[in-house]
Amino acid sequence: MSNMHRIAWSVKPFAQELPRSPSRILDVAAAAHRPGDRRVVSFGDSGVRVGAGEFLVIAGPCSVESRDGIDRIARSVADAGAGMLRGGAWKPRTSPRSFQGLGPDALKMLALAREASGLPFVTEVLDPRDAEQAAQVADMLQIGARNMSNGALLREVARTGRPVLLKRGFGATVAELLDAADYLLAEGNEDVLLVERGIRTFEDSTRFTLDISAVPVLRERTHLPVIVDPSHPAGAARWVPDLARAAAAVGADGLMVEVHDSPQDALSDGEQSLDPRQFEELVVSLDRVLDAVGGRRSVPDARAEGAPVSAASTA
């Protein structure tokens, strides 16, 4: 018997004894049998919802850089019609010499920006040891593309009970994204948002290739809300609005857009960040698309006079 056969024989009985996770059967794949059963995720008592026609626009800077800066951006995106603020406290940068984020101090700044703007916020967690600390403050936790397959982080973030925004890895298939979502669902956390943020292909005219076809595929295969990040695949602010409108037209449940009030001075991803005026123009055009496809933009109750702003009322 060869060494390879000995290894295969030794692991096979163990693999057969492993309990089969029911999450793919009961949660993810079940949507194929109940096409109208869409998960709706809410964020506390803010009134903001996503899924089943409620379109969530998440906007803000790549990184939290200062208290005044995040306050200004939060107010501007809220005034323009965003439903949630984004901002990085910890940043997974390619180079260790690049700005890595302000950590716990950024969480405090985001909490103050939430008070100032009325927007719930999402921030990324890189280390399982930071999950609980972030969950005590943030309204939703993000798993970034680089950590999509980090099982330990997925489990720890899921166990906090906060909604989780899961980004597709830039080298991952749709099936692998759903496998990662299963880690979250298996911990009993059903408030999961899936994010298409572009994949790496042979095409180099943009930073990544936005897999727009992943949106209808995911909506067919799962009941979970599907969000599109148009900023990272574009890599340039001038292309972001077109990709964002395409995402809304094809049936996405929301967008995650990078916005900075001075993109040229941003410490990270400034070249792909919209300024407040560009973001406001994008939201106006998005409302027209949503009106055509039967969606409505969700905003906090305090800013909607008791109900989410509909596309029809703002177009």
C-alpha atoms as a PDB file:
ATOM      1  CA  MET A   1       0.000   0.000   0.000  1.00  0.00           C
ATOM      2  CA  SER A   2       1.426   3.399  -1.001  1.00  0.00           C
ATOM      3  CA  ASN A   3       1.845   6.231   1.488  1.00  0.00           C
ATOM      4  CA  MET A   4      -0.880   8.165  -0.339  1.00  0.00           C
ATOM      5  CA  HIS A   5      -3.316   5.275   0.028  1.00  0.00           C
ATOM      6  CA  ARG A   6      -2.484   4.961   3.732  1.00  0.00           C
ATOM      7  CA  ILE A   7      -3.259   8.663   4.234  1.00  0.00           C
ATOM      8  CA  ALA A   8      -6.525   8.433   2.295  1.00  0.00           C
ATOM      9  CA  TRP A   9      -7.597   5.353   4.226  1.00  0.00           C
ATOM     10  CA  SER A  10      -6.740   6.917   7.576  1.00  0.00           C
ATOM     11  CA  VAL A  11      -8.742  10.134   7.086  1.00  0.00           C
ATOM     12  CA  LYS A  12     -11.760   8.643   5.336  1.00  0.00           C
ATOM     13  CA  PRO A  13     -13.395   7.061   8.406  1.00  0.00           C
ATOM     14  CA  PHE A  14     -12.843  10.301  10.354  1.00  0.00           C
ATOM     15  CA  ALA A  15     -14.408  12.376   7.586  1.00  0.00           C
ATOM     16  CA  GLN A  16     -17.430  10.092   7.474  1.00  0.00           C
ATOM     17  CA  GLU A  17     -17.976  10.526  11.216  1.00  0.00           C
ATOM     18  CA  LEU A  18     -17.941  14.327  11.121  1.00  0.00           C
ATOM     19  CA  PRO A  19     -21.396  15.822  11.779  1.00  0.00           C
ATOM     20  CA  ARG A  20     -22.837  17.349   8.649  1.00  0.00           C
ATOM     21  CA  SER A  21     -23.632  21.016   9.112  1.00  0.00           C
ATOM     22  CA  PRO A  22     -27.318  21.601   8.362  1.00  0.00           C
ATOM     23  CA  SER A  23     -26.852  25.301   7.645  1.00  0.00           C
ATOM     24  CA  ARG A  24     -26.489  25.003   3.863  1.00  0.00           C
ATOM     25  CA  ILE A  25     -29.602  22.806   3.693  1.00  0.00           C
ATOM     26  CA  LEU A  26     -31.734  24.742   6.155  1.00  0.00           C
ATOM     27  CA  ASP A  27     -30.568  28.290   5.508  1.00  0.00           C
ATOM     28  CA  VAL A  28     -28.589  29.053   2.371  1.00  0.00           C
ATOM     29  CA  ALA A  29     -29.852  26.561  -0.216  1.00  0.00           C
ATOM     30  CA  ALA A  30     -33.405  26.618   1.113  1.00  0.00           C
ATOM     31  CA  ALA A  31     -34.053  29.861  -0.745  1.00  0.00           C
ATOM     32  CA  ALA A  32     -33.989  27.901  -4.001  1.00  0.00           C
ATOM     33  CA  HIS A  33     -37.139  26.138  -2.791  1.00  0.00           C
ATOM     34  CA  ARG A  34     -38.743  29.308  -1.365  1.00  0.00           C
ATOM     35  CA  PRO A  35     -37.906  32.033  -3.899  1.00  0.00           C
ATOM     36  CA  GLY A  36     -40.032  34.650  -2.163  1.00  0.00           C
ATOM     37  CA  ASP A  37     -38.545  34.077   1.281  1.00  0.00           C
ATOM     38  CA  ARG A  38     -35.970  36.863   1.602  1.00  0.00           C
ATOM     39  CA  ARG A  39     -34.097  37.663   4.790  1.00  0.00           C
ATOM     40  CA  VAL A  40     -34.645  41.192   6.091  1.00  0.00           C
ATOM     41  CA  VAL A  41     -31.958  42.502   8.447  1.00  0.00           C
ATOM     42  CA  SER A  42     -32.712  45.366  10.835  1.00  0.00           C
ATOM     43  CA  PHE A  43     -30.279  47.477  12.833  1.00  0.00           C
ATOM     44  CA  GLY A  44     -31.544  48.084  16.341  1.00  0.00           C
ATOM     45  CA  ASP A  45     -34.257  50.699  16.690  1.00  0.00           C
ATOM     46  CA  SER A  46     -32.836  52.930  13.942  1.00  0.00           C
ATOM     47  CA  GLY A  47     -35.532  51.903  11.485  1.00  0.00           C
ATOM     48  CA  VAL A  48     -32.902  50.973   8.892  1.00  0.00           C
ATOM     49  CA  ARG A  49     -33.550  47.669   7.135  1.00  0.00           C
ATOM     50  CA  VAL A  50     -32.122  45.775   4.179  1.00  0.00           C
ATOM     51  CA  GLY A  51     -33.627  43.036   2.035  1.00  0.00           C
ATOM     52  CA  ALA A  52     -36.975  42.275   0.390  1.00  0.00           C
ATOM     53  CA  GLY A  53     -37.116  45.595  -1.444  1.00  0.00           C
ATOM     54  CA  GLU A  54     -35.457  47.694   1.273  1.00  0.00           C
ATOM     55  CA  PHE A  55     -32.324  49.101  -0.398  1.00  0.00           C
ATOM     56  CA  LEU A  56     -29.488  50.065   1.952  1.00  0.00           C
ATOM     57  CA  VAL A  57     -26.832  52.591   0.956  1.00  0.00           C
ATOM     58  CA  ILE A  58     -23.758  52.308   3.184  1.00  0.00           C
ATOM     59  CA  ALA A  59     -21.336  55.207   2.772  1.00  0.00           C
ATOM     60  CA  GLY A  60     -18.289  56.709   4.412  1.00  0.00           C
ATOM     61  CA  PRO A  61     -14.502  56.757   4.363  1.00  0.00           C
ATOM     62  CA  CYS A  62     -12.236  53.766   3.976  1.00  0.00           C
ATOM     63  CA  SER A  63     -10.566  54.699   7.271  1.00  0.00           C
ATOM     64  CA  VAL A  64     -11.551  56.801  10.250  1.00  0.00           C
ATOM     65  CA  GLU A  65      -8.858  59.483  10.299  1.00  0.00           C
ATOM     66  CA  SER A  66     -10.056  61.975  12.925  1.00  0.00           C
ATOM     67  CA  ARG A  67     -13.106  62.817  15.006  1.00  0.00           C
ATOM     68  CA  ASP A  68     -13.898  65.999  13.080  1.00  0.00           C
ATOM     69  CA  GLY A  69     -13.386  64.234   9.774  1.00  0.00           C
ATOM     70  CA  ILE A  70     -15.726  61.322  10.449  1.00  0.00           C
ATOM     71  CA  ASP A  71     -18.342  63.708  11.886  1.00  0.00           C
ATOM     72  CA  ARG A  72     -18.311  65.836   8.735  1.00  0.00           C
ATOM     73  CA  ILE A  73     -18.526  62.850   6.422  1.00  0.00           C
ATOM     74  CA  ALA A  74     -21.254  61.188   8.492  1.00  0.00           C
ATOM     75  CA  ARG A  75     -23.420  64.302   8.390  1.00  0.00           C
ATOM     76  CA  SER A  76     -22.894  64.788   4.661  1.00  0.00           C
ATOM     77  CA  VAL A  77     -23.759  61.217   3.646  1.00  0.00           C
ATOM     78  CA  ALA A  78     -26.757  61.223   5.995  1.00  0.00           C
ATOM     79  CA  ASP A  79     -28.029  64.451   4.447  1.00  0.00           C
ATOM     80  CA  ALA A  80     -27.571  62.944   0.977  1.00  0.00           C
ATOM     81  CA  GLY A  81     -29.637  59.855   1.825  1.00  0.00           C
ATOM     82  CA  ALA A  82     -27.325  57.128   3.127  1.00  0.00           C
ATOM     83  CA  GLY A  83     -28.834  54.621   5.536  1.00  0.00           C
ATOM     84  CA  MET A  84     -25.622  53.526   7.240  1.00  0.00           C
ATOM     85  CA  LEU A  85     -22.143  54.893   7.889  1.00  0.00           C
ATOM     86  CA  ARG A  86     -18.998  52.925   7.138  1.00  0.00           C
ATOM     87  CA  GLY A  87     -15.536  53.577   8.540  1.00  0.00           C
ATOM     88  CA  GLY A  88     -12.471  51.446   9.166  1.00  0.00           C
ATOM     89  CA  ALA A  89     -11.047  51.238  12.681  1.00  0.00           C
ATOM     90  CA  TRP A  90      -8.521  48.523  11.811  1.00  0.00           C
ATOM     91  CA  LYS A  91      -7.229  48.389   8.236  1.00  0.00           C
ATOM     92  CA  PRO A  92      -5.756  45.347   6.425  1.00  0.00           C
ATOM     93  CA  ARG A  93      -3.190  47.110   4.250  1.00  0.00           C
ATOM     94  CA  THR A  94      -0.938  45.490   1.673  1.00  0.00           C
ATOM     95  CA  SER A  95       2.135  47.189   3.125  1.00  0.00           C
ATOM     96  CA  PRO A  96       2.902  47.283   6.872  1.00  0.00           C
ATOM     97  CA  ARG A  97       4.131  50.845   6.310  1.00  0.00           C
ATOM     98  CA  SER A  98       0.675  52.031   5.236  1.00  0.00           C
ATOM     99  CA  PHE A  99      -1.843  53.576   7.632  1.00  0.00           C
ATOM    100  CA  GLN A 100      -3.296  50.744   9.723  1.00  0.00           C
ATOM    101  CA  GLY A 101      -6.219  52.563  11.342  1.00  0.00           C
ATOM    102  CA  LEU A 102      -6.820  54.117  14.761  1.00  0.00           C
ATOM    103  CA  GLY A 103      -8.220  50.982  16.407  1.00  0.00           C
ATOM    104  CA  PRO A 104     -10.345  51.441  19.559  1.00  0.00           C
ATOM    105  CA  ASP A 105     -10.105  55.230  19.299  1.00  0.00           C
ATOM    106  CA  ALA A 106     -11.824  55.005  15.909  1.00  0.00           C
ATOM    107  CA  LEU A 107     -14.692  53.041  17.469  1.00  0.00           C
ATOM    108  CA  LYS A 108     -15.302  55.910  19.888  1.00  0.00           C
ATOM    109  CA  MET A 109     -15.247  58.404  17.012  1.00  0.00           C
ATOM    110  CA  LEU A 110     -17.714  56.316  15.022  1.00  0.00           C
ATOM    111  CA  ALA A 111     -20.059  56.157  18.012  1.00  0.00           C
ATOM    112  CA  LEU A 112     -19.970  59.952  18.286  1.00  0.00           C
ATOM    113  CA  ALA A 113     -20.561  60.270  14.542  1.00  0.00           C
ATOM    114  CA  ARG A 114     -23.613  58.019  14.920  1.00  0.00           C
ATOM    115  CA  GLU A 115     -25.003  60.399  17.528  1.00  0.00           C
ATOM    116  CA  ALA A 116     -24.331  63.389  15.293  1.00  0.00           C
ATOM    117  CA  SER A 117     -25.785  61.923  12.103  1.00  0.00           C
ATOM    118  CA  GLY A 118     -28.369  59.396  13.267  1.00  0.00           C
ATOM    119  CA  LEU A 119     -26.769  56.701  11.101  1.00  0.00           C
ATOM    120  CA  PRO A 120     -25.946  53.222  12.423  1.00  0.00           C
ATOM    121  CA  PHE A 121     -22.423  52.175  11.456  1.00  0.00           C
ATOM    122  CA  VAL A 122     -20.418  49.181  10.280  1.00  0.00           C
ATOM    123  CA  THR A 123     -16.713  48.587  10.811  1.00  0.00           C
ATOM    124  CA  GLU A 124     -14.327  45.776   9.913  1.00  0.00           C
ATOM    125  CA  VAL A 125     -12.851  43.341  12.427  1.00  0.00           C
ATOM    126  CA  LEU A 126      -9.463  41.778  11.614  1.00  0.00           C
ATOM    127  CA  ASP A 127      -8.640  39.913  14.814  1.00  0.00           C
ATOM    128  CA  PRO A 128     -10.979  37.555  16.722  1.00  0.00           C
ATOM    129  CA  ARG A 129      -9.771  39.188  19.944  1.00  0.00           C
ATOM    130  CA  ASP A 130     -11.316  42.500  18.857  1.00  0.00           C
ATOM    131  CA  ALA A 131     -14.734  41.119  17.909  1.00  0.00           C
ATOM    132  CA  GLU A 132     -16.473  41.592  21.244  1.00  0.00           C
ATOM    133  CA  GLN A 133     -15.023  45.062  21.756  1.00  0.00           C
ATOM    134  CA  ALA A 134     -16.246  46.163  18.335  1.00  0.00           C
ATOM    135  CA  ALA A 135     -19.647  44.534  18.840  1.00  0.00           C
ATOM    136  CA  GLN A 136     -20.243  46.552  21.998  1.00  0.00           C
ATOM    137  CA  VAL A 137     -20.183  49.721  19.891  1.00  0.00           C
ATOM    138  CA  ALA A 138     -20.877  48.936  16.221  1.00  0.00           C
ATOM    139  CA  ASP A 139     -24.268  48.167  14.685  1.00  0.00           C
ATOM    140  CA  MET A 140     -22.778  45.687  12.201  1.00  0.00           C
ATOM    141  CA  LEU A 141     -19.396  43.976  11.888  1.00  0.00           C
ATOM    142  CA  GLN A 142     -17.583  43.481   8.607  1.00  0.00           C
ATOM    143  CA  ILE A 143     -15.489  40.534   7.468  1.00  0.00           C
ATOM    144  CA  GLY A 144     -13.233  41.869   4.728  1.00  0.00           C
ATOM    145  CA  ALA A 145     -12.283  40.142   1.497  1.00  0.00           C
ATOM    146  CA  ARG A 146      -8.880  39.090   2.829  1.00  0.00           C
ATOM    147  CA  ASN A 147     -10.522  37.279   5.756  1.00  0.00           C
ATOM    148  CA  MET A 148     -13.479  35.638   4.017  1.00  0.00           C
ATOM    149  CA  SER A 149     -12.030  32.169   4.682  1.00  0.00           C
ATOM    150  CA  ASN A 150     -10.746  32.864   8.203  1.00  0.00           C
ATOM    151  CA  GLY A 151     -12.867  30.356  10.100  1.00  0.00           C
ATOM    152  CA  ALA A 152     -11.782  31.467  13.571  1.00  0.00           C
ATOM    153  CA  LEU A 153     -12.675  35.087  12.824  1.00  0.00           C
ATOM    154  CA  LEU A 154     -15.982  34.138  11.196  1.00  0.00           C
ATOM    155  CA  ARG A 155     -17.044  32.126  14.231  1.00  0.00           C
ATOM    156  CA  GLU A 156     -16.019  34.776  16.753  1.00  0.00           C
ATOM    157  CA  VAL A 157     -17.758  37.592  14.889  1.00  0.00           C
ATOM    158  CA  ALA A 158     -20.912  35.507  14.428  1.00  0.00           C
ATOM    159  CA  ARG A 159     -21.065  34.741  18.149  1.00  0.00           C
ATOM    160  CA  THR A 160     -21.302  38.427  19.041  1.00  0.00           C
ATOM    161  CA  GLY A 161     -24.861  38.393  17.713  1.00  0.00           C
ATOM    162  CA  ARG A 162     -24.333  41.518  15.633  1.00  0.00           C
ATOM    163  CA  PRO A 163     -25.326  41.525  11.953  1.00  0.00           C
ATOM    164  CA  VAL A 164     -22.358  40.560   9.782  1.00  0.00           C
ATOM    165  CA  LEU A 165     -21.355  42.014   6.426  1.00  0.00           C
ATOM    166  CA  LEU A 166     -19.332  39.332   4.625  1.00  0.00           C
ATOM    167  CA  LYS A 167     -17.223  40.385   1.642  1.00  0.00           C
ATOM    168  CA  ARG A 168     -16.381  37.954  -1.127  1.00  0.00           C
ATOM    169  CA  GLY A 169     -12.668  37.269  -1.417  1.00  0.00           C
ATOM    170  CA  PHE A 170     -11.165  38.578  -4.635  1.00  0.00           C
ATOM    171  CA  GLY A 171     -10.090  35.045  -5.562  1.00  0.00           C
ATOM    172  CA  ALA A 172     -13.226  33.264  -4.326  1.00  0.00           C
ATOM    173  CA  THR A 173     -16.101  31.679  -6.208  1.00  0.00           C
ATOM    174  CA  VAL A 174     -19.750  32.257  -5.353  1.00  0.00           C
ATOM    175  CA  ALA A 175     -19.877  28.757  -3.850  1.00  0.00           C
ATOM    176  CA  GLU A 176     -16.921  29.563  -1.593  1.00  0.00           C
ATOM    177  CA  LEU A 177     -18.622  32.761  -0.453  1.00  0.00           C
ATOM    178  CA  LEU A 178     -21.670  30.713   0.526  1.00  0.00           C
ATOM    179  CA  ASP A 179     -19.436  28.250   2.378  1.00  0.00           C
ATOM    180  CA  ALA A 180     -18.026  31.173   4.367  1.00  0.00           C
ATOM    181  CA  ALA A 181     -21.563  32.360   5.109  1.00  0.00           C
ATOM    182  CA  ASP A 182     -22.310  28.897   6.460  1.00  0.00           C
ATOM    183  CA  TYR A 183     -19.715  29.450   9.193  1.00  0.00           C
ATOM    184  CA  LEU A 184     -21.761  32.426  10.388  1.00  0.00           C
ATOM    185  CA  LEU A 185     -25.128  30.706  10.066  1.00  0.00           C
ATOM    186  CA  ALA A 186     -23.847  27.613  11.861  1.00  0.00           C
ATOM    187  CA  GLU A 187     -23.201  29.792  14.933  1.00  0.00           C
ATOM    188  CA  GLY A 188     -26.863  30.791  14.968  1.00  0.00           C
ATOM    189  CA  ASN A 189     -26.369  34.244  13.449  1.00  0.00           C
ATOM    190  CA  GLU A 190     -28.839  34.638  10.585  1.00  0.00           C
ATOM    191  CA  ASP A 191     -28.298  38.377  10.062  1.00  0.00           C
ATOM    192  CA  VAL A 192     -25.732  38.048   7.291  1.00  0.00           C
ATOM    193  CA  LEU A 193     -25.213  40.350   4.307  1.00  0.00           C
ATOM    194  CA  LEU A 194     -23.186  39.075   1.344  1.00  0.00           C
ATOM    195  CA  VAL A 195     -21.004  41.549  -0.554  1.00  0.00           C
ATOM    196  CA  GLU A 196     -19.787  41.336  -4.144  1.00  0.00           C
ATOM    197  CA  ARG A 197     -16.724  43.617  -4.246  1.00  0.00           C
ATOM    198  CA  GLY A 198     -14.950  42.556  -7.408  1.00  0.00           C
ATOM    199  CA  ILE A 199     -12.709  39.621  -8.249  1.00  0.00           C
ATOM    200  CA  ARG A 200      -9.209  39.426  -9.679  1.00  0.00           C
ATOM    201  CA  THR A 201      -9.130  38.481 -13.366  1.00  0.00           C
ATOM    202  CA  PHE A 202      -6.768  38.977 -16.302  1.00  0.00           C
ATOM    203  CA  GLU A 203      -8.413  42.364 -16.963  1.00  0.00           C
ATOM    204  CA  ASP A 204      -6.280  45.195 -15.602  1.00  0.00           C
ATOM    205  CA  SER A 205      -8.103  48.320 -16.788  1.00  0.00           C
ATOM    206  CA  THR A 206      -9.892  48.476 -13.427  1.00  0.00           C
ATOM    207  CA  ARG A 207      -8.652  47.602  -9.949  1.00  0.00           C
ATOM    208  CA  PHE A 208     -10.821  44.456  -9.871  1.00  0.00           C
ATOM    209  CA  THR A 209     -13.550  43.045 -12.103  1.00  0.00           C
ATOM    210  CA  LEU A 210     -17.046  43.582 -10.704  1.00  0.00           C
ATOM    211  CA  ASP A 211     -18.878  40.270 -11.072  1.00  0.00           C
ATOM    212  CA  ILE A 212     -22.297  41.798 -11.609  1.00  0.00           C
ATOM    213  CA  SER A 213     -23.685  38.382 -12.553  1.00  0.00           C
ATOM    214  CA  ALA A 214     -23.018  37.234  -8.983  1.00  0.00           C
ATOM    215  CA  VAL A 215     -25.987  39.318  -7.806  1.00  0.00           C
ATOM    216  CA  PRO A 216     -28.777  37.347  -9.538  1.00  0.00           C
ATOM    217  CA  VAL A 217     -26.895  34.093  -8.926  1.00  0.00           C
ATOM    218  CA  LEU A 218     -26.711  34.763  -5.188  1.00  0.00           C
ATOM    219  CA  ARG A 219     -30.323  35.901  -5.046  1.00  0.00           C
ATOM    220  CA  GLU A 220     -31.310  32.598  -6.633  1.00  0.00           C
ATOM    221  CA  ARG A 221     -29.163  30.468  -4.342  1.00  0.00           C
ATOM    222  CA  THR A 222     -29.682  32.178  -1.001  1.00  0.00           C
ATOM    223  CA  HIS A 223     -32.222  34.155   0.980  1.00  0.00           C
ATOM    224  CA  LEU A 224     -29.548  36.508   2.349  1.00  0.00           C
ATOM    225  CA  PRO A 225     -29.347  40.181   1.252  1.00  0.00           C
ATOM    226  CA  VAL A 226     -26.775  40.880  -1.465  1.00  0.00           C
ATOM    227  CA  ILE A 227     -24.779  44.117  -1.347  1.00  0.00           C
ATOM    228  CA  VAL A 228     -22.431  45.476  -4.025  1.00  0.00           C
ATOM    229  CA  ASP A 229     -19.275  47.477  -3.335  1.00  0.00           C
ATOM    230  CA  PRO A 230     -18.611  49.443  -6.560  1.00  0.00           C
ATOM    231  CA  SER A 231     -15.645  51.389  -5.166  1.00  0.00           C
ATOM    232  CA  HIS A 232     -13.042  48.615  -4.975  1.00  0.00           C
ATOM    233  CA  PRO A 233     -13.591  47.115  -8.433  1.00  0.00           C
ATOM    234  CA  ALA A 234     -13.626  50.564 -10.029  1.00  0.00           C
ATOM    235  CA  GLY A 235     -10.456  51.797  -8.380  1.00  0.00           C
ATOM    236  CA  ALA A 236     -11.330  55.262  -9.707  1.00  0.00           C
ATOM    237  CA  ALA A 237     -14.123  57.515  -8.467  1.00  0.00           C
ATOM    238  CA  ARG A 238     -15.350  58.405 -11.970  1.00  0.00           C
ATOM    239  CA  TRP A 239     -16.484  54.815 -12.620  1.00  0.00           C
ATOM    240  CA  VAL A 240     -18.209  54.222  -9.287  1.00  0.00           C
ATOM    241  CA  PRO A 241     -21.635  55.758 -10.130  1.00  0.00           C
ATOM    242  CA  ASP A 242     -22.147  53.625 -13.244  1.00  0.00           C
ATOM    243  CA  LEU A 243     -21.269  50.423 -11.392  1.00  0.00           C
ATOM    244  CA  ALA A 244     -23.533  51.436  -8.506  1.00  0.00           C
ATOM    245  CA  ARG A 245     -26.518  52.039 -10.784  1.00  0.00           C
ATOM    246  CA  ALA A 246     -25.870  48.741 -12.572  1.00  0.00           C
ATOM    247  CA  ALA A 247     -25.939  46.945  -9.212  1.00  0.00           C
ATOM    248  CA  ALA A 248     -29.288  48.493  -8.309  1.00  0.00           C
ATOM    249  CA  ALA A 249     -30.708  47.650 -11.732  1.00  0.00           C
ATOM    250  CA  VAL A 250     -29.695  43.990 -11.540  1.00  0.00           C
ATOM    251  CA  GLY A 251     -31.386  43.471  -8.173  1.00  0.00           C
ATOM    252  CA  ALA A 252     -28.819  44.149  -5.451  1.00  0.00           C
ATOM    253  CA  ASP A 253     -30.206  44.877  -1.988  1.00  0.00           C
ATOM    254  CA  GLY A 254     -27.786  47.706  -1.339  1.00  0.00           C
ATOM    255  CA  LEU A 255     -24.465  49.413  -1.943  1.00  0.00           C
ATOM    256  CA  MET A 256     -21.308  50.077   0.036  1.00  0.00           C
ATOM    257  CA  VAL A 257     -19.642  53.230  -1.296  1.00  0.00           C
ATOM    258  CA  GLU A 258     -16.479  54.979  -0.179  1.00  0.00           C
ATOM    259  CA  VAL A 259     -16.990  58.705   0.421  1.00  0.00           C
ATOM    260  CA  HIS A 260     -14.473  61.260   1.691  1.00  0.00           C
ATOM    261  CA  ASP A 261     -14.834  65.034   1.950  1.00  0.00           C
ATOM    262  CA  SER A 262     -11.284  65.489   0.644  1.00  0.00           C
ATOM    263  CA  PRO A 263     -10.395  62.385  -1.405  1.00  0.00           C
ATOM    264  CA  GLN A 264      -7.023  63.744  -2.477  1.00  0.00           C
ATOM    265  CA  ASP A 265      -5.981  63.897   1.186  1.00  0.00           C
ATOM    266  CA  ALA A 266      -7.425  60.536   2.289  1.00  0.00           C
ATOM    267  CA  LEU A 267      -5.030  58.199   4.087  1.00  0.00           C
ATOM    268  CA  SER A 268      -6.411  55.199   2.170  1.00  0.00           C
ATOM    269  CA  ASP A 269      -8.390  54.593  -1.046  1.00  0.00           C
ATOM    270  CA  GLY A 270      -8.772  58.276  -1.870  1.00  0.00           C
ATOM    271  CA  GLU A 271      -8.613  57.677  -5.622  1.00  0.00           C
ATOM    272  CA  GLN A 272     -11.804  55.592  -5.561  1.00  0.00           C
ATOM    273  CA  SER A 273     -13.714  57.719  -3.040  1.00  0.00           C
ATOM    274  CA  LEU A 274     -16.555  60.004  -4.074  1.00  0.00           C
ATOM    275  CA  ASP A 275     -16.723  63.483  -2.610  1.00  0.00           C
ATOM    276  CA  PRO A 276     -20.004  64.563  -0.933  1.00  0.00           C
ATOM    277  CA  ARG A 277     -21.345  66.297  -4.050  1.00  0.00           C
ATOM    278  CA  GLN A 278     -20.688  63.251  -6.223  1.00  0.00           C
ATOM    279  CA  PHE A 279     -22.328  61.014  -3.639  1.00  0.00           C
ATOM    280  CA  GLU A 280     -25.419  63.206  -3.474  1.00  0.00           C
ATOM    281  CA  GLU A 281     -25.733  63.084  -7.265  1.00  0.00           C
ATOM    282  CA  LEU A 282     -25.371  59.300  -7.163  1.00  0.00           C
ATOM    283  CA  VAL A 283     -28.188  58.918  -4.634  1.00  0.00           C
ATOM    284  CA  VAL A 284     -30.538  61.032  -6.766  1.00  0.00           C
ATOM    285  CA  SER A 285     -29.846  58.844  -9.801  1.00  0.00           C
ATOM    286  CA  LEU A 286     -30.140  55.667  -7.721  1.00  0.00           C
ATOM    287  CA  ASP A 287     -33.638  56.619  -6.645  1.00  0.00           C
ATOM    288  CA  ARG A 288     -34.705  56.704 -10.285  1.00  0.00           C
ATOM    289  CA  VAL A 289     -33.307  53.211 -10.841  1.00  0.00           C
ATOM    290  CA  LEU A 290     -34.960  51.904  -7.676  1.00  0.00           C
ATOM    291  CA  ASP A 291     -38.255  53.411  -8.751  1.00  0.00           C
ATOM    292  CA  ALA A 292     -37.998  51.448 -12.001  1.00  0.00           C
ATOM    293  CA  VAL A 293     -37.196  48.111 -10.338  1.00  0.00           C
ATOM    294  CA  GLY A 294     -39.583  48.433  -7.396  1.00  0.00           C
ATOM    295  CA  GLY A 295     -37.113  49.097  -4.588  1.00  0.00           C
ATOM    296  CA  ARG A 296     -36.951  51.808  -1.966  1.00  0.00           C
ATOM    297  CA  ARG A 297     -34.037  53.366  -0.161  1.00  0.00           C
ATOM    298  CA  SER A 298     -33.990  52.713   3.584  1.00  0.00           C
ATOM    299  CA  VAL A 299     -32.956  55.522   5.933  1.00  0.00           C
ATOM    300  CA  PRO A 300     -33.229  56.015   9.715  1.00  0.00           C
ATOM    301  CA  ASP A 301     -36.715  56.744  11.013  1.00  0.00           C
ATOM    302  CA  ALA A 302     -35.519  60.060  12.419  1.00  0.00           C
ATOM    303  CA  ARG A 303     -34.638  61.216   8.898  1.00  0.00           C
ATOM    304  CA  ALA A 304     -37.618  59.688   7.124  1.00  0.00           C
ATOM    305  CA  GLU A 305     -40.448  61.180   9.180  1.00  0.00           C
ATOM    306  CA  GLY A 306     -41.555  57.735  10.255  1.00  0.00           C
ATOM    307  CA  ALA A 307     -40.911  55.662   7.108  1.00  0.00           C
ATOM    308  CA  PRO A 308     -38.058  54.744   4.750  1.00  0.00           C
ATOM    309  CA  VAL A 309     -37.666  57.222   1.910  1.00  0.00           C
ATOM    310  CA  SER A 310     -39.121  55.700  -1.232  1.00  0.00           C
ATOM    311  CA  ALA A 311     -37.686  56.102  -4.678  1.00  0.00           C
ATOM    312  CA  ALA A 312     -40.961  57.504  -5.912  1.00  0.00           C
ATOM    313  CA  SER A 313     -40.943  60.293  -3.361  1.00  0.00           C
ATOM    314  CA  THR A 314     -37.381  61.404  -4.069  1.00  0.00           C
ATOM    315  CA  ALA A 315     -36.931  60.884  -7.801  1.00  0.00           C
END
